[in-house]
Amino acid sequence: MDKTQKIVIAEDNSVFLLLIKLKLEKEGYELFVAEDGKKALELIETHQPDLILTDIMMDYLSGLEVISHVRNVLKMDVPIIVFSASGQEEMVTQAFNLGATDFMVKPLIPNELIIRVKRALV
């Protein structure tokens, strides 16, 4: 029997969050949701997810700080998909340099997100 794969989602936009949450739940993933970077780190440490989805711009800790903490402090090799509004090339580059696995521009295409999530979890 396959174990349910766990995903931590860090996103402060409630409408966007609801959309991706519904799509991922429909695919059978177990989701842990954080509205800010601080809560995201708590969920990551507690649940040891198989994948992390994080926005770059969030309260308390940015997505970049979340990536840095996961890679450098927690020493986790979990895939991390980052999303952000377009026009933030410098932050995207920084995200990859810190250890992000993939990047998507908001607004996301839900079906593309599912494809990228499945690919990251292989």
PDB file of N, CA and C in Angstrom:
ATOM      1  N   MET A   1       0.832  -1.189   0.000  1.00  0.00           N
ATOM      2  CA  MET A   1       0.000   0.000   0.000  1.00  0.00           C
ATOM      3  C   MET A   1       0.880   1.257   0.000  1.00  0.00           C
ATOM      4  N   ASP A   2       0.590   2.167  -0.881  1.00  0.00           N
ATOM      5  CA  ASP A   2       1.347   3.414  -0.950  1.00  0.00           C
ATOM      6  C   ASP A   2       0.960   4.324   0.203  1.00  0.00           C
ATOM      7  N   LYS A   3       1.972   5.001   0.759  1.00  0.00           N
ATOM      8  CA  LYS A   3       1.638   5.979   1.794  1.00  0.00           C
ATOM      9  C   LYS A   3       1.236   7.288   1.110  1.00  0.00           C
ATOM     10  N   THR A   4       0.331   7.996   1.737  1.00  0.00           N
ATOM     11  CA  THR A   4      -0.112   9.269   1.195  1.00  0.00           C
ATOM     12  C   THR A   4       1.047  10.254   1.265  1.00  0.00           C
ATOM     13  N   GLN A   5       1.313  10.933   0.150  1.00  0.00           N
ATOM     14  CA  GLN A   5       2.417  11.898   0.138  1.00  0.00           C
ATOM     15  C   GLN A   5       1.962  13.207   0.761  1.00  0.00           C
ATOM     16  N   LYS A   6       2.867  13.775   1.597  1.00  0.00           N
ATOM     17  CA  LYS A   6       2.551  14.980   2.349  1.00  0.00           C
ATOM     18  C   LYS A   6       3.170  16.201   1.671  1.00  0.00           C
ATOM     19  N   ILE A   7       2.371  17.258   1.608  1.00  0.00           N
ATOM     20  CA  ILE A   7       2.828  18.515   1.010  1.00  0.00           C
ATOM     21  C   ILE A   7       2.545  19.657   1.977  1.00  0.00           C
ATOM     22  N   VAL A   8       3.573  20.482   2.218  1.00  0.00           N
ATOM     23  CA  VAL A   8       3.371  21.728   2.959  1.00  0.00           C
ATOM     24  C   VAL A   8       3.229  22.834   1.927  1.00  0.00           C
ATOM     25  N   ILE A   9       2.149  23.621   2.061  1.00  0.00           N
ATOM     26  CA  ILE A   9       1.911  24.758   1.172  1.00  0.00           C
ATOM     27  C   ILE A   9       2.025  26.029   1.994  1.00  0.00           C
ATOM     28  N   ALA A  10       2.900  26.930   1.568  1.00  0.00           N
ATOM     29  CA  ALA A  10       3.047  28.227   2.225  1.00  0.00           C
ATOM     30  C   ALA A  10       2.588  29.302   1.246  1.00  0.00           C
ATOM     31  N   GLU A  11       1.434  29.874   1.515  1.00  0.00           N
ATOM     32  CA  GLU A  11       0.843  30.867   0.611  1.00  0.00           C
ATOM     33  C   GLU A  11      -0.067  31.781   1.414  1.00  0.00           C
ATOM     34  N   ASP A  12       0.101  33.101   1.224  1.00  0.00           N
ATOM     35  CA  ASP A  12      -0.695  34.057   2.002  1.00  0.00           C
ATOM     36  C   ASP A  12      -1.928  34.582   1.271  1.00  0.00           C
ATOM     37  N   ASN A  13      -2.122  34.215   0.018  1.00  0.00           N
ATOM     38  CA  ASN A  13      -3.296  34.636  -0.735  1.00  0.00           C
ATOM     39  C   ASN A  13      -4.367  33.554  -0.586  1.00  0.00           C
ATOM     40  N   SER A  14      -5.428  33.857   0.176  1.00  0.00           N
ATOM     41  CA  SER A  14      -6.428  32.843   0.517  1.00  0.00           C
ATOM     42  C   SER A  14      -7.177  32.292  -0.698  1.00  0.00           C
ATOM     43  N   VAL A  15      -7.459  33.123  -1.689  1.00  0.00           N
ATOM     44  CA  VAL A  15      -8.162  32.655  -2.888  1.00  0.00           C
ATOM     45  C   VAL A  15      -7.276  31.692  -3.677  1.00  0.00           C
ATOM     46  N   PHE A  16      -6.037  32.082  -3.886  1.00  0.00           N
ATOM     47  CA  PHE A  16      -5.078  31.245  -4.602  1.00  0.00           C
ATOM     48  C   PHE A  16      -4.849  29.938  -3.833  1.00  0.00           C
ATOM     49  N   LEU A  17      -4.729  30.058  -2.519  1.00  0.00           N
ATOM     50  CA  LEU A  17      -4.508  28.899  -1.672  1.00  0.00           C
ATOM     51  C   LEU A  17      -5.655  27.894  -1.786  1.00  0.00           C
ATOM     52  N   LEU A  18      -6.877  28.385  -1.750  1.00  0.00           N
ATOM     53  CA  LEU A  18      -8.042  27.517  -1.859  1.00  0.00           C
ATOM     54  C   LEU A  18      -8.033  26.757  -3.189  1.00  0.00           C
ATOM     55  N   LEU A  19      -7.709  27.455  -4.253  1.00  0.00           N
ATOM     56  CA  LEU A  19      -7.664  26.837  -5.584  1.00  0.00           C
ATOM     57  C   LEU A  19      -6.663  25.682  -5.627  1.00  0.00           C
ATOM     58  N   ILE A  20      -5.428  25.918  -5.190  1.00  0.00           N
ATOM     59  CA  ILE A  20      -4.428  24.845  -5.280  1.00  0.00           C
ATOM     60  C   ILE A  20      -4.697  23.752  -4.254  1.00  0.00           C
ATOM     61  N   LYS A  21      -5.258  24.132  -3.106  1.00  0.00           N
ATOM     62  CA  LYS A  21      -5.587  23.145  -2.075  1.00  0.00           C
ATOM     63  C   LYS A  21      -6.629  22.156  -2.617  1.00  0.00           C
ATOM     64  N   LEU A  22      -7.686  22.667  -3.218  1.00  0.00           N
ATOM     65  CA  LEU A  22      -8.735  21.795  -3.768  1.00  0.00           C
ATOM     66  C   LEU A  22      -8.176  20.873  -4.849  1.00  0.00           C
ATOM     67  N   LYS A  23      -7.347  21.425  -5.701  1.00  0.00           N
ATOM     68  CA  LYS A  23      -6.761  20.640  -6.798  1.00  0.00           C
ATOM     69  C   LYS A  23      -5.868  19.523  -6.255  1.00  0.00           C
ATOM     70  N   LEU A  24      -5.028  19.830  -5.271  1.00  0.00           N
ATOM     71  CA  LEU A  24      -4.112  18.835  -4.716  1.00  0.00           C
ATOM     72  C   LEU A  24      -4.839  17.791  -3.869  1.00  0.00           C
ATOM     73  N   GLU A  25      -5.874  18.214  -3.135  1.00  0.00           N
ATOM     74  CA  GLU A  25      -6.646  17.257  -2.341  1.00  0.00           C
ATOM     75  C   GLU A  25      -7.343  16.255  -3.255  1.00  0.00           C
ATOM     76  N   LYS A  26      -7.836  16.742  -4.384  1.00  0.00           N
ATOM     77  CA  LYS A  26      -8.502  15.886  -5.366  1.00  0.00           C
ATOM     78  C   LYS A  26      -7.536  14.807  -5.883  1.00  0.00           C
ATOM     79  N   GLU A  27      -6.245  15.140  -5.925  1.00  0.00           N
ATOM     80  CA  GLU A  27      -5.218  14.193  -6.380  1.00  0.00           C
ATOM     81  C   GLU A  27      -4.807  13.216  -5.266  1.00  0.00           C
ATOM     82  N   GLY A  28      -5.300  13.453  -4.042  1.00  0.00           N
ATOM     83  CA  GLY A  28      -5.043  12.515  -2.957  1.00  0.00           C
ATOM     84  C   GLY A  28      -3.863  12.838  -2.050  1.00  0.00           C
ATOM     85  N   TYR A  29      -3.327  14.038  -2.147  1.00  0.00           N
ATOM     86  CA  TYR A  29      -2.206  14.417  -1.285  1.00  0.00           C
ATOM     87  C   TYR A  29      -2.709  14.862   0.086  1.00  0.00           C
ATOM     88  N   GLU A  30      -1.894  14.648   1.116  1.00  0.00           N
ATOM     89  CA  GLU A  30      -2.187  15.151   2.448  1.00  0.00           C
ATOM     90  C   GLU A  30      -1.535  16.528   2.553  1.00  0.00           C
ATOM     91  N   LEU A  31      -2.333  17.543   2.853  1.00  0.00           N
ATOM     92  CA  LEU A  31      -1.841  18.919   2.822  1.00  0.00           C
ATOM     93  C   LEU A  31      -1.760  19.547   4.206  1.00  0.00           C
ATOM     94  N   PHE A  32      -0.715  20.329   4.379  1.00  0.00           N
ATOM     95  CA  PHE A  32      -0.527  21.130   5.590  1.00  0.00           C
ATOM     96  C   PHE A  32      -0.333  22.564   5.112  1.00  0.00           C
ATOM     97  N   VAL A  33      -1.186  23.461   5.571  1.00  0.00           N
ATOM     98  CA  VAL A  33      -1.229  24.811   5.013  1.00  0.00           C
ATOM     99  C   VAL A  33      -0.726  25.860   5.995  1.00  0.00           C
ATOM    100  N   ALA A  34       0.148  26.729   5.487  1.00  0.00           N
ATOM    101  CA  ALA A  34       0.680  27.844   6.271  1.00  0.00           C
ATOM    102  C   ALA A  34       0.404  29.147   5.534  1.00  0.00           C
ATOM    103  N   GLU A  35       0.001  30.168   6.277  1.00  0.00           N
ATOM    104  CA  GLU A  35      -0.256  31.480   5.674  1.00  0.00           C
ATOM    105  C   GLU A  35       0.979  32.369   5.702  1.00  0.00           C
ATOM    106  N   ASP A  36       2.043  31.904   6.344  1.00  0.00           N
ATOM    107  CA  ASP A  36       3.276  32.691   6.399  1.00  0.00           C
ATOM    108  C   ASP A  36       4.475  31.756   6.543  1.00  0.00           C
ATOM    109  N   GLY A  37       5.659  32.306   6.367  1.00  0.00           N
ATOM    110  CA  GLY A  37       6.878  31.502   6.385  1.00  0.00           C
ATOM    111  C   GLY A  37       7.195  30.879   7.725  1.00  0.00           C
ATOM    112  N   LYS A  38       6.858  31.575   8.810  1.00  0.00           N
ATOM    113  CA  LYS A  38       7.129  31.049  10.150  1.00  0.00           C
ATOM    114  C   LYS A  38       6.321  29.785  10.399  1.00  0.00           C
ATOM    115  N   LYS A  39       5.039  29.844  10.081  1.00  0.00           N
ATOM    116  CA  LYS A  39       4.155  28.679  10.247  1.00  0.00           C
ATOM    117  C   LYS A  39       4.607  27.548   9.310  1.00  0.00           C
ATOM    118  N   ALA A  40       5.059  27.903   8.115  1.00  0.00           N
ATOM    119  CA  ALA A  40       5.534  26.889   7.166  1.00  0.00           C
ATOM    120  C   ALA A  40       6.677  26.078   7.763  1.00  0.00           C
ATOM    121  N   LEU A  41       7.635  26.753   8.384  1.00  0.00           N
ATOM    122  CA  LEU A  41       8.765  26.037   8.985  1.00  0.00           C
ATOM    123  C   LEU A  41       8.308  25.117  10.115  1.00  0.00           C
ATOM    124  N   GLU A  42       7.336  25.576  10.899  1.00  0.00           N
ATOM    125  CA  GLU A  42       6.800  24.727  11.967  1.00  0.00           C
ATOM    126  C   GLU A  42       6.195  23.453  11.376  1.00  0.00           C
ATOM    127  N   LEU A  43       5.410  23.609  10.312  1.00  0.00           N
ATOM    128  CA  LEU A  43       4.771  22.456   9.666  1.00  0.00           C
ATOM    129  C   LEU A  43       5.808  21.524   9.032  1.00  0.00           C
ATOM    130  N   ILE A  44       6.833  22.106   8.429  1.00  0.00           N
ATOM    131  CA  ILE A  44       7.886  21.311   7.788  1.00  0.00           C
ATOM    132  C   ILE A  44       8.615  20.473   8.837  1.00  0.00           C
ATOM    133  N   GLU A  45       8.961  21.095   9.952  1.00  0.00           N
ATOM    134  CA  GLU A  45       9.679  20.374  11.009  1.00  0.00           C
ATOM    135  C   GLU A  45       8.799  19.291  11.642  1.00  0.00           C
ATOM    136  N   THR A  46       7.527  19.568  11.804  1.00  0.00           N
ATOM    137  CA  THR A  46       6.611  18.624  12.442  1.00  0.00           C
ATOM    138  C   THR A  46       6.249  17.445  11.534  1.00  0.00           C
ATOM    139  N   HIS A  47       5.960  17.722  10.263  1.00  0.00           N
ATOM    140  CA  HIS A  47       5.392  16.701   9.378  1.00  0.00           C
ATOM    141  C   HIS A  47       6.363  16.074   8.383  1.00  0.00           C
ATOM    142  N   GLN A  48       7.576  16.611   8.264  1.00  0.00           N
ATOM    143  CA  GLN A  48       8.569  16.049   7.329  1.00  0.00           C
ATOM    144  C   GLN A  48       7.932  15.755   5.965  1.00  0.00           C
ATOM    145  N   PRO A  49       7.501  16.805   5.246  1.00  0.00           N
ATOM    146  CA  PRO A  49       6.756  16.588   4.006  1.00  0.00           C
ATOM    147  C   PRO A  49       7.613  15.993   2.881  1.00  0.00           C
ATOM    148  N   ASP A  50       6.905  15.434   1.896  1.00  0.00           N
ATOM    149  CA  ASP A  50       7.552  14.894   0.696  1.00  0.00           C
ATOM    150  C   ASP A  50       7.814  16.002  -0.321  1.00  0.00           C
ATOM    151  N   LEU A  51       7.116  17.138  -0.162  1.00  0.00           N
ATOM    152  CA  LEU A  51       7.236  18.268  -1.087  1.00  0.00           C
ATOM    153  C   LEU A  51       6.829  19.541  -0.356  1.00  0.00           C
ATOM    154  N   ILE A  52       7.494  20.651  -0.725  1.00  0.00           N
ATOM    155  CA  ILE A  52       7.141  21.965  -0.187  1.00  0.00           C
ATOM    156  C   ILE A  52       6.780  22.874  -1.353  1.00  0.00           C
ATOM    157  N   LEU A  53       5.629  23.536  -1.244  1.00  0.00           N
ATOM    158  CA  LEU A  53       5.229  24.564  -2.206  1.00  0.00           C
ATOM    159  C   LEU A  53       5.238  25.877  -1.442  1.00  0.00           C
ATOM    160  N   THR A  54       5.976  26.859  -1.934  1.00  0.00           N
ATOM    161  CA  THR A  54       6.036  28.130  -1.206  1.00  0.00           C
ATOM    162  C   THR A  54       6.017  29.342  -2.125  1.00  0.00           C
ATOM    163  N   ASP A  55       5.281  30.340  -1.677  1.00  0.00           N
ATOM    164  CA  ASP A  55       5.304  31.642  -2.320  1.00  0.00           C
ATOM    165  C   ASP A  55       6.605  32.315  -1.882  1.00  0.00           C
ATOM    166  N   ILE A  56       7.100  33.262  -2.673  1.00  0.00           N
ATOM    167  CA  ILE A  56       8.315  33.978  -2.266  1.00  0.00           C
ATOM    168  C   ILE A  56       7.973  35.085  -1.273  1.00  0.00           C
ATOM    169  N   MET A  57       6.961  35.884  -1.585  1.00  0.00           N
ATOM    170  CA  MET A  57       6.621  37.029  -0.744  1.00  0.00           C
ATOM    171  C   MET A  57       5.573  36.637   0.294  1.00  0.00           C
ATOM    172  N   MET A  58       6.004  36.534   1.576  1.00  0.00           N
ATOM    173  CA  MET A  58       5.089  36.205   2.670  1.00  0.00           C
ATOM    174  C   MET A  58       5.483  36.972   3.920  1.00  0.00           C
ATOM    175  N   ASP A  59       4.570  36.986   4.878  1.00  0.00           N
ATOM    176  CA  ASP A  59       4.843  37.635   6.164  1.00  0.00           C
ATOM    177  C   ASP A  59       5.816  36.814   6.999  1.00  0.00           C
ATOM    178  N   TYR A  60       6.454  37.467   7.949  1.00  0.00           N
ATOM    179  CA  TYR A  60       7.386  36.895   8.937  1.00  0.00           C
ATOM    180  C   TYR A  60       8.667  36.361   8.307  1.00  0.00           C
ATOM    181  N   LEU A  61       8.550  35.325   7.494  1.00  0.00           N
ATOM    182  CA  LEU A  61       9.715  34.799   6.767  1.00  0.00           C
ATOM    183  C   LEU A  61       9.323  34.666   5.301  1.00  0.00           C
ATOM    184  N   SER A  62      10.212  35.061   4.409  1.00  0.00           N
ATOM    185  CA  SER A  62       9.920  34.933   2.977  1.00  0.00           C
ATOM    186  C   SER A  62      10.136  33.486   2.540  1.00  0.00           C
ATOM    187  N   GLY A  63       9.666  33.182   1.347  1.00  0.00           N
ATOM    188  CA  GLY A  63       9.909  31.863   0.774  1.00  0.00           C
ATOM    189  C   GLY A  63      11.396  31.580   0.645  1.00  0.00           C
ATOM    190  N   LEU A  64      12.190  32.624   0.379  1.00  0.00           N
ATOM    191  CA  LEU A  64      13.649  32.454   0.271  1.00  0.00           C
ATOM    192  C   LEU A  64      14.229  32.019   1.614  1.00  0.00           C
ATOM    193  N   GLU A  65      13.733  32.623   2.697  1.00  0.00           N
ATOM    194  CA  GLU A  65      14.202  32.238   4.033  1.00  0.00           C
ATOM    195  C   GLU A  65      13.771  30.814   4.380  1.00  0.00           C
ATOM    196  N   VAL A  66      12.584  30.432   3.925  1.00  0.00           N
ATOM    197  CA  VAL A  66      12.110  29.063   4.150  1.00  0.00           C
ATOM    198  C   VAL A  66      13.042  28.073   3.442  1.00  0.00           C
ATOM    199  N   ILE A  67      13.350  28.351   2.176  1.00  0.00           N
ATOM    200  CA  ILE A  67      14.252  27.465   1.409  1.00  0.00           C
ATOM    201  C   ILE A  67      15.607  27.358   2.110  1.00  0.00           C
ATOM    202  N   SER A  68      16.164  28.492   2.493  1.00  0.00           N
ATOM    203  CA  SER A  68      17.463  28.516   3.150  1.00  0.00           C
ATOM    204  C   SER A  68      17.449  27.692   4.434  1.00  0.00           C
ATOM    205  N   HIS A  69      16.409  27.840   5.231  1.00  0.00           N
ATOM    206  CA  HIS A  69      16.308  27.110   6.500  1.00  0.00           C
ATOM    207  C   HIS A  69      16.189  25.600   6.251  1.00  0.00           C
ATOM    208  N   VAL A  70      15.365  25.222   5.279  1.00  0.00           N
ATOM    209  CA  VAL A  70      15.169  23.796   4.963  1.00  0.00           C
ATOM    210  C   VAL A  70      16.487  23.170   4.509  1.00  0.00           C
ATOM    211  N   ARG A  71      17.215  23.870   3.651  1.00  0.00           N
ATOM    212  CA  ARG A  71      18.454  23.313   3.096  1.00  0.00           C
ATOM    213  C   ARG A  71      19.630  23.390   4.079  1.00  0.00           C
ATOM    214  N   ASN A  72      19.785  24.523   4.756  1.00  0.00           N
ATOM    215  CA  ASN A  72      20.995  24.757   5.555  1.00  0.00           C
ATOM    216  C   ASN A  72      20.877  24.404   7.032  1.00  0.00           C
ATOM    217  N   VAL A  73      19.691  24.525   7.604  1.00  0.00           N
ATOM    218  CA  VAL A  73      19.521  24.235   9.024  1.00  0.00           C
ATOM    219  C   VAL A  73      18.952  22.829   9.220  1.00  0.00           C
ATOM    220  N   LEU A  74      17.848  22.539   8.515  1.00  0.00           N
ATOM    221  CA  LEU A  74      17.224  21.228   8.649  1.00  0.00           C
ATOM    222  C   LEU A  74      17.940  20.152   7.823  1.00  0.00           C
ATOM    223  N   LYS A  75      18.753  20.611   6.854  1.00  0.00           N
ATOM    224  CA  LYS A  75      19.508  19.694   5.979  1.00  0.00           C
ATOM    225  C   LYS A  75      18.594  18.700   5.256  1.00  0.00           C
ATOM    226  N   MET A  76      17.406  19.182   4.852  1.00  0.00           N
ATOM    227  CA  MET A  76      16.453  18.330   4.140  1.00  0.00           C
ATOM    228  C   MET A  76      16.645  18.456   2.636  1.00  0.00           C
ATOM    229  N   ASP A  77      16.489  17.323   1.962  1.00  0.00           N
ATOM    230  CA  ASP A  77      16.648  17.287   0.510  1.00  0.00           C
ATOM    231  C   ASP A  77      15.288  17.224  -0.200  1.00  0.00           C
ATOM    232  N   VAL A  78      14.234  17.620   0.492  1.00  0.00           N
ATOM    233  CA  VAL A  78      12.875  17.580  -0.034  1.00  0.00           C
ATOM    234  C   VAL A  78      12.749  18.540  -1.229  1.00  0.00           C
ATOM    235  N   PRO A  79      12.005  18.136  -2.293  1.00  0.00           N
ATOM    236  CA  PRO A  79      11.803  19.061  -3.417  1.00  0.00           C
ATOM    237  C   PRO A  79      11.008  20.297  -2.964  1.00  0.00           C
ATOM    238  N   ILE A  80      11.392  21.447  -3.499  1.00  0.00           N
ATOM    239  CA  ILE A  80      10.711  22.704  -3.177  1.00  0.00           C
ATOM    240  C   ILE A  80      10.327  23.399  -4.480  1.00  0.00           C
ATOM    241  N   ILE A  81       9.013  23.621  -4.650  1.00  0.00           N
ATOM    242  CA  ILE A  81       8.525  24.379  -5.801  1.00  0.00           C
ATOM    243  C   ILE A  81       8.133  25.761  -5.296  1.00  0.00           C
ATOM    244  N   VAL A  82       8.697  26.773  -5.927  1.00  0.00           N
ATOM    245  CA  VAL A  82       8.471  28.166  -5.541  1.00  0.00           C
ATOM    246  C   VAL A  82       7.536  28.815  -6.545  1.00  0.00           C
ATOM    247  N   PHE A  83       6.638  29.666  -6.064  1.00  0.00           N
ATOM    248  CA  PHE A  83       5.843  30.464  -6.992  1.00  0.00           C
ATOM    249  C   PHE A  83       5.843  31.915  -6.571  1.00  0.00           C
ATOM    250  N   SER A  84       5.750  32.757  -7.582  1.00  0.00           N
ATOM    251  CA  SER A  84       5.774  34.190  -7.336  1.00  0.00           C
ATOM    252  C   SER A  84       5.190  34.918  -8.533  1.00  0.00           C
ATOM    253  N   ALA A  85       4.791  36.159  -8.299  1.00  0.00           N
ATOM    254  CA  ALA A  85       4.293  36.985  -9.390  1.00  0.00           C
ATOM    255  C   ALA A  85       5.426  37.226 -10.382  1.00  0.00           C
ATOM    256  N   SER A  86       5.067  37.457 -11.615  1.00  0.00           N
ATOM    257  CA  SER A  86       6.098  37.688 -12.640  1.00  0.00           C
ATOM    258  C   SER A  86       6.856  38.974 -12.360  1.00  0.00           C
ATOM    259  N   GLY A  87       8.013  39.102 -12.983  1.00  0.00           N
ATOM    260  CA  GLY A  87       8.802  40.311 -12.833  1.00  0.00           C
ATOM    261  C   GLY A  87       9.726  40.289 -11.629  1.00  0.00           C
ATOM    262  N   GLN A  88       9.950  39.123 -11.077  1.00  0.00           N
ATOM    263  CA  GLN A  88      10.839  39.030  -9.915  1.00  0.00           C
ATOM    264  C   GLN A  88      12.007  38.102 -10.222  1.00  0.00           C
ATOM    265  N   GLU A  89      12.630  38.345 -11.367  1.00  0.00           N
ATOM    266  CA  GLU A  89      13.712  37.478 -11.838  1.00  0.00           C
ATOM    267  C   GLU A  89      14.827  37.287 -10.818  1.00  0.00           C
ATOM    268  N   GLU A  90      15.208  38.359 -10.155  1.00  0.00           N
ATOM    269  CA  GLU A  90      16.305  38.290  -9.191  1.00  0.00           C
ATOM    270  C   GLU A  90      15.965  37.332  -8.044  1.00  0.00           C
ATOM    271  N   MET A  91      14.713  37.382  -7.583  1.00  0.00           N
ATOM    272  CA  MET A  91      14.293  36.492  -6.500  1.00  0.00           C
ATOM    273  C   MET A  91      14.238  35.036  -6.960  1.00  0.00           C
ATOM    274  N   VAL A  92      13.833  34.834  -8.199  1.00  0.00           N
ATOM    275  CA  VAL A  92      13.778  33.478  -8.748  1.00  0.00           C
ATOM    276  C   VAL A  92      15.187  32.890  -8.796  1.00  0.00           C
ATOM    277  N   THR A  93      16.128  33.668  -9.287  1.00  0.00           N
ATOM    278  CA  THR A  93      17.523  33.230  -9.339  1.00  0.00           C
ATOM    279  C   THR A  93      18.020  32.910  -7.936  1.00  0.00           C
ATOM    280  N   GLN A  94      17.696  33.776  -6.997  1.00  0.00           N
ATOM    281  CA  GLN A  94      18.098  33.565  -5.609  1.00  0.00           C
ATOM    282  C   GLN A  94      17.472  32.275  -5.059  1.00  0.00           C
ATOM    283  N   ALA A  95      16.212  32.024  -5.401  1.00  0.00           N
ATOM    284  CA  ALA A  95      15.520  30.814  -4.936  1.00  0.00           C
ATOM    285  C   ALA A  95      16.241  29.561  -5.435  1.00  0.00           C
ATOM    286  N   PHE A  96      16.611  29.558  -6.712  1.00  0.00           N
ATOM    287  CA  PHE A  96      17.339  28.408  -7.265  1.00  0.00           C
ATOM    288  C   PHE A  96      18.713  28.263  -6.606  1.00  0.00           C
ATOM    289  N   ASN A  97      19.393  29.385  -6.390  1.00  0.00           N
ATOM    290  CA  ASN A  97      20.704  29.339  -5.733  1.00  0.00           C
ATOM    291  C   ASN A  97      20.621  28.801  -4.305  1.00  0.00           C
ATOM    292  N   LEU A  98      19.495  29.028  -3.642  1.00  0.00           N
ATOM    293  CA  LEU A  98      19.301  28.533  -2.274  1.00  0.00           C
ATOM    294  C   LEU A  98      18.884  27.064  -2.240  1.00  0.00           C
ATOM    295  N   GLY A  99      18.441  26.542  -3.395  1.00  0.00           N
ATOM    296  CA  GLY A  99      18.089  25.121  -3.436  1.00  0.00           C
ATOM    297  C   GLY A  99      16.683  24.796  -3.883  1.00  0.00           C
ATOM    298  N   ALA A 100      15.960  25.759  -4.456  1.00  0.00           N
ATOM    299  CA  ALA A 100      14.629  25.457  -4.994  1.00  0.00           C
ATOM    300  C   ALA A 100      14.754  24.453  -6.134  1.00  0.00           C
ATOM    301  N   THR A 101      13.748  23.598  -6.273  1.00  0.00           N
ATOM    302  CA  THR A 101      13.742  22.567  -7.300  1.00  0.00           C
ATOM    303  C   THR A 101      13.103  23.059  -8.591  1.00  0.00           C
ATOM    304  N   ASP A 102      12.049  23.871  -8.443  1.00  0.00           N
ATOM    305  CA  ASP A 102      11.275  24.313  -9.599  1.00  0.00           C
ATOM    306  C   ASP A 102      10.664  25.670  -9.275  1.00  0.00           C
ATOM    307  N   PHE A 103      10.175  26.353 -10.311  1.00  0.00           N
ATOM    308  CA  PHE A 103       9.581  27.678 -10.154  1.00  0.00           C
ATOM    309  C   PHE A 103       8.380  27.812 -11.073  1.00  0.00           C
ATOM    310  N   MET A 104       7.325  28.436 -10.566  1.00  0.00           N
ATOM    311  CA  MET A 104       6.143  28.723 -11.379  1.00  0.00           C
ATOM    312  C   MET A 104       5.729  30.173 -11.173  1.00  0.00           C
ATOM    313  N   VAL A 105       5.289  30.797 -12.261  1.00  0.00           N
ATOM    314  CA  VAL A 105       4.826  32.186 -12.209  1.00  0.00           C
ATOM    315  C   VAL A 105       3.338  32.194 -11.871  1.00  0.00           C
ATOM    316  N   LYS A 106       2.960  33.083 -10.950  1.00  0.00           N
ATOM    317  CA  LYS A 106       1.546  33.266 -10.626  1.00  0.00           C
ATOM    318  C   LYS A 106       0.924  34.245 -11.597  1.00  0.00           C
ATOM    319  N   PRO A 107      -0.319  34.084 -11.967  1.00  0.00           N
ATOM    320  CA  PRO A 107      -1.221  33.032 -11.509  1.00  0.00           C
ATOM    321  C   PRO A 107      -0.862  31.678 -12.142  1.00  0.00           C
ATOM    322  N   LEU A 108      -0.948  30.640 -11.336  1.00  0.00           N
ATOM    323  CA  LEU A 108      -0.607  29.303 -11.805  1.00  0.00           C
ATOM    324  C   LEU A 108      -1.732  28.713 -12.632  1.00  0.00           C
ATOM    325  N   ILE A 109      -1.355  27.809 -13.508  1.00  0.00           N
ATOM    326  CA  ILE A 109      -2.318  26.996 -14.233  1.00  0.00           C
ATOM    327  C   ILE A 109      -2.442  25.714 -13.397  1.00  0.00           C
ATOM    328  N   PRO A 110      -3.610  25.454 -12.804  1.00  0.00           N
ATOM    329  CA  PRO A 110      -3.752  24.317 -11.889  1.00  0.00           C
ATOM    330  C   PRO A 110      -3.258  22.981 -12.452  1.00  0.00           C
ATOM    331  N   ASN A 111      -3.569  22.670 -13.696  1.00  0.00           N
ATOM    332  CA  ASN A 111      -3.129  21.388 -14.265  1.00  0.00           C
ATOM    333  C   ASN A 111      -1.612  21.329 -14.416  1.00  0.00           C
ATOM    334  N   GLU A 112      -0.997  22.467 -14.703  1.00  0.00           N
ATOM    335  CA  GLU A 112       0.466  22.515 -14.789  1.00  0.00           C
ATOM    336  C   GLU A 112       1.073  22.275 -13.412  1.00  0.00           C
ATOM    337  N   LEU A 113       0.447  22.834 -12.376  1.00  0.00           N
ATOM    338  CA  LEU A 113       0.922  22.620 -11.014  1.00  0.00           C
ATOM    339  C   LEU A 113       0.913  21.125 -10.681  1.00  0.00           C
ATOM    340  N   ILE A 114      -0.178  20.445 -11.013  1.00  0.00           N
ATOM    341  CA  ILE A 114      -0.286  19.009 -10.718  1.00  0.00           C
ATOM    342  C   ILE A 114       0.813  18.233 -11.440  1.00  0.00           C
ATOM    343  N   ILE A 115       1.063  18.565 -12.683  1.00  0.00           N
ATOM    344  CA  ILE A 115       2.129  17.886 -13.448  1.00  0.00           C
ATOM    345  C   ILE A 115       3.476  18.108 -12.787  1.00  0.00           C
ATOM    346  N   ARG A 116       3.765  19.338 -12.382  1.00  0.00           N
ATOM    347  CA  ARG A 116       5.049  19.645 -11.751  1.00  0.00           C
ATOM    348  C   ARG A 116       5.182  18.972 -10.373  1.00  0.00           C
ATOM    349  N   VAL A 117       4.096  18.919  -9.631  1.00  0.00           N
ATOM    350  CA  VAL A 117       4.093  18.259  -8.326  1.00  0.00           C
ATOM    351  C   VAL A 117       4.401  16.774  -8.519  1.00  0.00           C
ATOM    352  N   LYS A 118       3.703  16.135  -9.438  1.00  0.00           N
ATOM    353  CA  LYS A 118       3.938  14.701  -9.687  1.00  0.00           C
ATOM    354  C   LYS A 118       5.372  14.440 -10.132  1.00  0.00           C
ATOM    355  N   ARG A 119       5.894  15.319 -10.976  1.00  0.00           N
ATOM    356  CA  ARG A 119       7.269  15.164 -11.455  1.00  0.00           C
ATOM    357  C   ARG A 119       8.281  15.324 -10.302  1.00  0.00           C
ATOM    358  N   ALA A 120       8.001  16.265  -9.406  1.00  0.00           N
ATOM    359  CA  ALA A 120       8.906  16.497  -8.271  1.00  0.00           C
ATOM    360  C   ALA A 120       8.887  15.325  -7.281  1.00  0.00           C
ATOM    361  N   LEU A 121       7.764  14.626  -7.223  1.00  0.00           N
ATOM    362  CA  LEU A 121       7.600  13.544  -6.248  1.00  0.00           C
ATOM    363  C   LEU A 121       8.012  12.173  -6.768  1.00  0.00           C
ATOM    364  N   VAL A 122       8.531  12.107  -7.979  1.00  0.00           N
ATOM    365  CA  VAL A 122       8.932  10.815  -8.543  1.00  0.00           C
ATOM    366  C   VAL A 122      10.137  10.268  -7.793  1.00  0.00           C
TER     367      VAL A 122
END
